[in-house]
Amino acid sequence: MWPCPVRRTSPGPLGVGATFTQTVTVDGRGVTLTEEIIAYEPPHTLAYRSIVDPLPLTCAYTLEATAEGARLALALEIAEIGHSVAADAVIIDAIVSAAGRDLDALAALLEERAPAGATPARQVGTAGCYHG
């Protein structure tokens, strides 16, 4: 289950150029983002970027095989929003925290469903999250 409401806004197949909205909570308020898929290579890559303010961001998920099983990485690029340094920091922290919670929840779900003796899922951290 995706952590926030997502609604497809473009017709046709899911892929590069498809658009959607998702509503995220930032500083206690619901903010609806309009986004476009910019990379889609199932099951290895999904990347999207916001195409309408208020939050200029790019998000990329990559999945790769490892000796232990698989590694899911999330990279966020968040541009300055322009409210103020303090307001931008609050918004950026909220986004990074939410991404960390989402990855923790995914790891817990995978561990819960893993066969006995499987290598546990684990979050390495939020490396790759930056703004500028």
Protein backbone atom coordinates (compact mmCIF):
# COMPACT_ATOMS: atom_id res chain seq x y z
CA MET A 1 0.00 0.00 0.00
CA TRP A 2 1.38 3.41 -0.97
CA PRO A 3 1.59 5.74 2.04
CA CYS A 4 -0.42 8.61 0.55
CA PRO A 5 -3.34 8.96 -1.90
CA VAL A 6 -2.22 8.72 -5.54
CA ARG A 7 -4.46 9.40 -8.53
CA ARG A 8 -3.53 8.79 -12.16
CA THR A 9 -4.20 11.88 -14.30
CA SER A 10 -3.15 10.76 -17.78
CA PRO A 11 -4.58 8.13 -20.12
CA GLY A 12 -2.60 5.34 -21.71
CA PRO A 13 -0.04 2.92 -20.39
CA LEU A 14 1.97 3.55 -17.25
CA GLY A 15 5.41 4.74 -18.29
CA VAL A 16 7.58 7.75 -19.04
CA GLY A 17 5.37 10.80 -19.49
CA ALA A 18 2.44 9.46 -17.44
CA THR A 19 1.18 11.91 -14.83
CA PHE A 20 -0.41 11.54 -11.43
CA THR A 21 -1.19 13.48 -8.29
CA GLN A 22 -0.38 12.48 -4.76
CA THR A 23 -1.34 14.18 -1.55
CA VAL A 24 1.35 14.34 1.12
CA THR A 25 1.26 15.80 4.60
CA VAL A 26 3.77 18.58 5.18
CA ASP A 27 3.82 20.39 8.51
CA GLY A 28 0.36 19.06 9.32
CA ARG A 29 -1.21 20.18 6.02
CA GLY A 30 -2.23 18.14 3.00
CA VAL A 31 -0.32 19.24 -0.10
CA THR A 32 -1.28 17.85 -3.52
CA LEU A 33 1.63 17.37 -5.91
CA THR A 34 1.26 16.95 -9.67
CA GLU A 35 4.02 14.67 -10.93
CA GLU A 36 5.33 13.10 -14.10
CA ILE A 37 7.14 9.78 -14.50
CA ILE A 38 10.58 10.45 -15.97
CA ALA A 39 12.05 6.92 -15.80
CA TYR A 40 10.20 3.60 -15.70
CA GLU A 41 12.01 0.30 -16.13
CA PRO A 42 10.10 -2.38 -14.18
CA PRO A 43 11.13 -3.84 -11.84
CA HIS A 44 14.36 -1.85 -11.48
CA THR A 45 13.61 1.87 -11.77
CA LEU A 46 10.82 4.33 -11.08
CA ALA A 47 11.53 8.06 -11.07
CA TYR A 48 9.21 11.03 -11.13
CA ARG A 49 9.37 14.79 -10.75
CA SER A 50 6.89 17.41 -9.68
CA ILE A 51 5.68 19.47 -12.61
CA VAL A 52 3.58 22.01 -10.73
CA ASP A 53 4.51 23.88 -7.54
CA PRO A 54 4.42 23.93 -4.50
CA LEU A 55 7.21 21.36 -3.95
CA PRO A 56 9.87 21.13 -6.69
CA LEU A 57 11.27 17.64 -6.24
CA THR A 58 12.56 14.61 -8.09
CA CYS A 59 12.23 11.15 -6.57
CA ALA A 60 13.87 7.96 -7.85
CA TYR A 61 13.53 4.38 -6.60
CA THR A 62 15.98 1.76 -7.81
CA LEU A 63 15.96 -1.95 -7.07
CA GLU A 64 19.05 -4.08 -7.62
CA ALA A 65 20.06 -7.65 -6.92
CA THR A 66 22.72 -8.18 -4.25
CA ALA A 67 24.44 -11.22 -2.81
CA GLU A 68 22.04 -11.02 0.15
CA GLY A 69 18.89 -10.61 -1.96
CA ALA A 70 17.97 -7.11 -3.13
CA ARG A 71 18.61 -3.46 -2.37
CA LEU A 72 15.98 -0.75 -2.71
CA ALA A 73 17.37 2.77 -2.86
CA LEU A 74 15.53 6.06 -2.76
CA ALA A 75 17.08 9.30 -3.97
CA LEU A 76 15.33 12.63 -3.44
CA GLU A 77 16.34 15.94 -4.96
CA ILE A 78 14.44 18.86 -3.50
CA ALA A 79 14.96 22.34 -4.90
CA GLU A 80 14.72 25.41 -2.73
CA ILE A 81 11.09 26.25 -2.30
CA GLY A 82 11.60 29.96 -1.71
CA HIS A 83 9.44 30.58 1.35
CA SER A 84 12.36 31.16 3.71
CA VAL A 85 15.36 29.11 4.81
CA ALA A 86 13.49 28.01 7.96
CA ALA A 87 10.27 27.12 6.11
CA ASP A 88 12.19 25.26 3.39
CA ALA A 89 14.04 23.29 6.09
CA VAL A 90 10.75 22.27 7.75
CA ILE A 91 9.30 21.09 4.44
CA ILE A 92 12.47 19.26 3.40
CA ASP A 93 12.76 17.57 6.82
CA ALA A 94 9.12 16.47 6.58
CA ILE A 95 9.67 14.92 3.15
CA VAL A 96 12.89 13.13 4.15
CA SER A 97 11.32 11.89 7.40
CA ALA A 98 8.27 10.58 5.54
CA ALA A 99 10.52 8.78 3.04
CA GLY A 100 12.43 7.16 5.91
CA ARG A 101 9.19 6.04 7.58
CA ASP A 102 7.94 4.62 4.27
CA LEU A 103 11.14 2.62 3.76
CA ASP A 104 11.02 1.38 7.38
CA ALA A 105 7.40 0.27 6.88
CA LEU A 106 8.33 -1.53 3.66
CA ALA A 107 11.25 -3.30 5.39
CA ALA A 108 8.94 -4.41 8.22
CA LEU A 109 6.38 -5.72 5.74
CA LEU A 110 9.03 -7.64 3.81
CA GLU A 111 10.48 -9.13 7.00
CA GLU A 112 6.99 -10.18 8.15
CA ARG A 113 6.33 -12.01 4.86
CA ALA A 114 9.83 -13.44 4.39
CA PRO A 115 10.28 -17.22 4.48
CA ALA A 116 11.99 -18.68 7.55
CA GLY A 117 15.76 -18.23 7.39
CA ALA A 118 15.65 -15.39 4.86
CA THR A 119 18.02 -12.45 5.23
CA PRO A 120 16.11 -9.67 7.04
CA ALA A 121 15.24 -6.46 5.22
CA ARG A 122 17.00 -3.43 6.61
CA GLN A 123 17.12 0.27 5.95
CA VAL A 124 20.59 1.63 5.41
CA GLY A 125 19.54 5.24 5.87
CA THR A 126 18.54 8.25 3.86
CA ALA A 127 21.77 8.61 1.90
CA GLY A 128 21.04 10.22 -1.41
CA CYS A 129 18.54 12.73 -0.02
CA TYR A 130 19.69 16.25 -0.67
CA HIS A 131 18.41 19.62 -1.66
CA GLY A 132 19.83 22.59 -3.41
